[in-house]
C-alpha atoms as a PDB file:
ATOM      1  CA  MET A   1     112.443  18.285  22.645  1.00  0.00           C
ATOM      2  CA  THR A   2     113.838  21.391  21.022  1.00  0.00           C
ATOM      3  CA  LEU A   3     114.755  21.560  17.353  1.00  0.00           C
ATOM      4  CA  GLU A   4     118.427  21.645  18.307  1.00  0.00           C
ATOM      5  CA  GLN A   5     118.054  18.479  20.404  1.00  0.00           C
ATOM      6  CA  PHE A   6     116.233  16.781  17.536  1.00  0.00           C
ATOM      7  CA  GLU A   7     118.982  17.756  15.092  1.00  0.00           C
ATOM      8  CA  VAL A   8     121.729  16.483  17.389  1.00  0.00           C
ATOM      9  CA  THR A   9     119.892  13.198  17.895  1.00  0.00           C
ATOM     10  CA  PHE A  10     119.327  12.911  14.153  1.00  0.00           C
ATOM     11  CA  MET A  11     123.007  13.558  13.388  1.00  0.00           C
ATOM     12  CA  ARG A  12     124.077  10.908  15.884  1.00  0.00           C
ATOM     13  CA  ASP A  13     121.747   8.265  14.474  1.00  0.00           C
ATOM     14  CA  THR A  14     123.857   5.470  13.044  1.00  0.00           C
ATOM     15  CA  HIS A  15     121.192   4.797  10.399  1.00  0.00           C
ATOM     16  CA  PRO A  16     119.818   8.185   9.370  1.00  0.00           C
ATOM     17  CA  GLU A  17     118.207   6.652   6.303  1.00  0.00           C
ATOM     18  CA  SER A  18     115.681   4.884   8.536  1.00  0.00           C
ATOM     19  CA  GLU A  19     114.808   8.212  10.139  1.00  0.00           C
ATOM     20  CA  VAL A  20     114.308   9.752   6.704  1.00  0.00           C
ATOM     21  CA  VAL A  21     112.065   6.848   5.655  1.00  0.00           C
ATOM     22  CA  LEU A  22     110.028   7.292   8.831  1.00  0.00           C
ATOM     23  CA  TRP A  23     109.502  11.022   8.208  1.00  0.00           C
ATOM     24  CA  CYS A  24     108.639  10.370   4.561  1.00  0.00           C
ATOM     25  CA  SER A  25     105.982   7.908   5.738  1.00  0.00           C
ATOM     26  CA  ILE A  26     104.590  10.448   8.199  1.00  0.00           C
ATOM     27  CA  THR A  27     104.519  13.056   5.437  1.00  0.00           C
ATOM     28  CA  ALA A  28     102.805  10.707   2.974  1.00  0.00           C
ATOM     29  CA  ALA A  29     100.144   9.816   5.563  1.00  0.00           C
ATOM     30  CA  TRP A  30      99.638  13.518   6.359  1.00  0.00           C
ATOM     31  CA  LEU A  31      99.179  14.279   2.661  1.00  0.00           C
ATOM     32  CA  ALA A  32      96.799  11.335   2.207  1.00  0.00           C
ATOM     33  CA  TYR A  33      94.722  12.474   5.192  1.00  0.00           C
ATOM     34  CA  HIS A  34      94.372  15.981   3.796  1.00  0.00           C
ATOM     35  CA  GLU A  35      93.590  14.732   0.312  1.00  0.00           C
ATOM     36  CA  ARG A  36      90.931  12.300   1.506  1.00  0.00           C
ATOM     37  CA  PHE A  37      89.376  14.074   4.478  1.00  0.00           C
ATOM     38  CA  SER A  38      89.919  17.835   4.236  1.00  0.00           C
ATOM     39  CA  SER A  39      89.640  18.543   0.505  1.00  0.00           C
ATOM     40  CA  GLY A  40      93.391  19.115   0.389  1.00  0.00           C
ATOM     41  CA  LYS A  41      93.175  22.084   2.754  1.00  0.00           C
ATOM     42  CA  GLU A  42      95.298  22.546   5.846  1.00  0.00           C
ATOM     43  CA  LEU A  43      93.619  22.930   9.211  1.00  0.00           C
ATOM     44  CA  ALA A  44      94.277  25.492  11.942  1.00  0.00           C
ATOM     45  CA  ASP A  45      97.862  25.357  13.274  1.00  0.00           C
ATOM     46  CA  GLU A  46      96.868  23.722  16.578  1.00  0.00           C
ATOM     47  CA  ASP A  47      94.900  21.027  14.750  1.00  0.00           C
ATOM     48  CA  GLU A  48      97.814  20.408  12.381  1.00  0.00           C
ATOM     49  CA  LYS A  49     100.176  20.017  15.347  1.00  0.00           C
ATOM     50  CA  LYS A  50      97.821  17.429  16.833  1.00  0.00           C
ATOM     51  CA  LEU A  51      97.645  15.547  13.527  1.00  0.00           C
ATOM     52  CA  VAL A  52     101.431  15.415  13.231  1.00  0.00           C
ATOM     53  CA  GLY A  53     101.756  14.351  16.880  1.00  0.00           C
ATOM     54  CA  ALA A  54      99.236  11.574  16.295  1.00  0.00           C
ATOM     55  CA  LEU A  55     101.085  10.426  13.173  1.00  0.00           C
ATOM     56  CA  ILE A  56     104.349  10.347  15.101  1.00  0.00           C
ATOM     57  CA  ALA A  57     102.684   8.179  17.755  1.00  0.00           C
ATOM     58  CA  ILE A  58     101.237   5.919  15.039  1.00  0.00           C
ATOM     59  CA  SER A  59     104.680   5.593  13.445  1.00  0.00           C
ATOM     60  CA  ALA A  60     106.002   4.469  16.840  1.00  0.00           C
ATOM     61  CA  GLY A  61     103.415   1.679  16.951  1.00  0.00           C
ATOM     62  CA  MET A  62     100.485   3.288  18.780  1.00  0.00           C
ATOM     63  CA  GLU A  63      97.237   1.774  17.530  1.00  0.00           C
ATOM     64  CA  ASP A  64      94.876   2.835  20.330  1.00  0.00           C
ATOM     65  CA  VAL A  65      93.108   5.751  18.636  1.00  0.00           C
ATOM     66  CA  SER A  66      91.770   6.994  21.975  1.00  0.00           C
ATOM     67  CA  LYS A  67      95.340   7.839  23.058  1.00  0.00           C
ATOM     68  CA  LEU A  68      96.434   9.838  20.011  1.00  0.00           C
ATOM     69  CA  GLY A  69      95.379  13.268  21.251  1.00  0.00           C
ATOM     70  CA  VAL A  70      92.872  13.771  18.439  1.00  0.00           C
ATOM     71  CA  PRO A  71      89.184  12.842  18.204  1.00  0.00           C
ATOM     72  CA  VAL A  72      88.734   9.083  17.800  1.00  0.00           C
ATOM     73  CA  ASP A  73      87.304   9.389  14.286  1.00  0.00           C
ATOM     74  CA  VAL A  74      90.307  11.491  13.220  1.00  0.00           C
ATOM     75  CA  GLY A  75      92.628   8.929  14.817  1.00  0.00           C
ATOM     76  CA  ARG A  76      90.984   6.121  12.850  1.00  0.00           C
ATOM     77  CA  ARG A  77      91.382   8.082   9.628  1.00  0.00           C
ATOM     78  CA  LEU A  78      95.045   8.843  10.352  1.00  0.00           C
ATOM     79  CA  LEU A  79      95.730   5.196  11.153  1.00  0.00           C
ATOM     80  CA  GLU A  80      93.971   4.210   7.931  1.00  0.00           C
ATOM     81  CA  CYS A  81      96.124   6.647   5.940  1.00  0.00           C
ATOM     82  CA  TYR A  82      99.344   5.488   7.616  1.00  0.00           C
ATOM     83  CA  ASP A  83      98.516   1.795   7.229  1.00  0.00           C
ATOM     84  CA  GLY A  84      97.482   2.381   3.625  1.00  0.00           C
ATOM     85  CA  LEU A  85     101.064   3.302   2.746  1.00  0.00           C
ATOM     86  CA  SER A  86     102.203  -0.290   3.064  1.00  0.00           C
ATOM     87  CA  LYS A  87      99.496  -1.409   0.637  1.00  0.00           C
ATOM     88  CA  GLU A  88     100.580   0.893  -2.177  1.00  0.00           C
END
């Protein structure tokens, strides 16, 4: 999906606030992952893209860490960070 397609889809969403909440959750999990597992440092661009892709899949309900496109241990950590948001 191109950025333009994403923007059009976003603008047509009848409940954009839910989309914003979703992206805030993805962002919070991304920040938590970096804080806990990479000393707050960003990874190489390709690795960051994989992390974000995995978090998007997790936000859509994917719990099988072997299908997230990242190493299994990274997938477990991302899932832990995402699930930890609901406990705060």
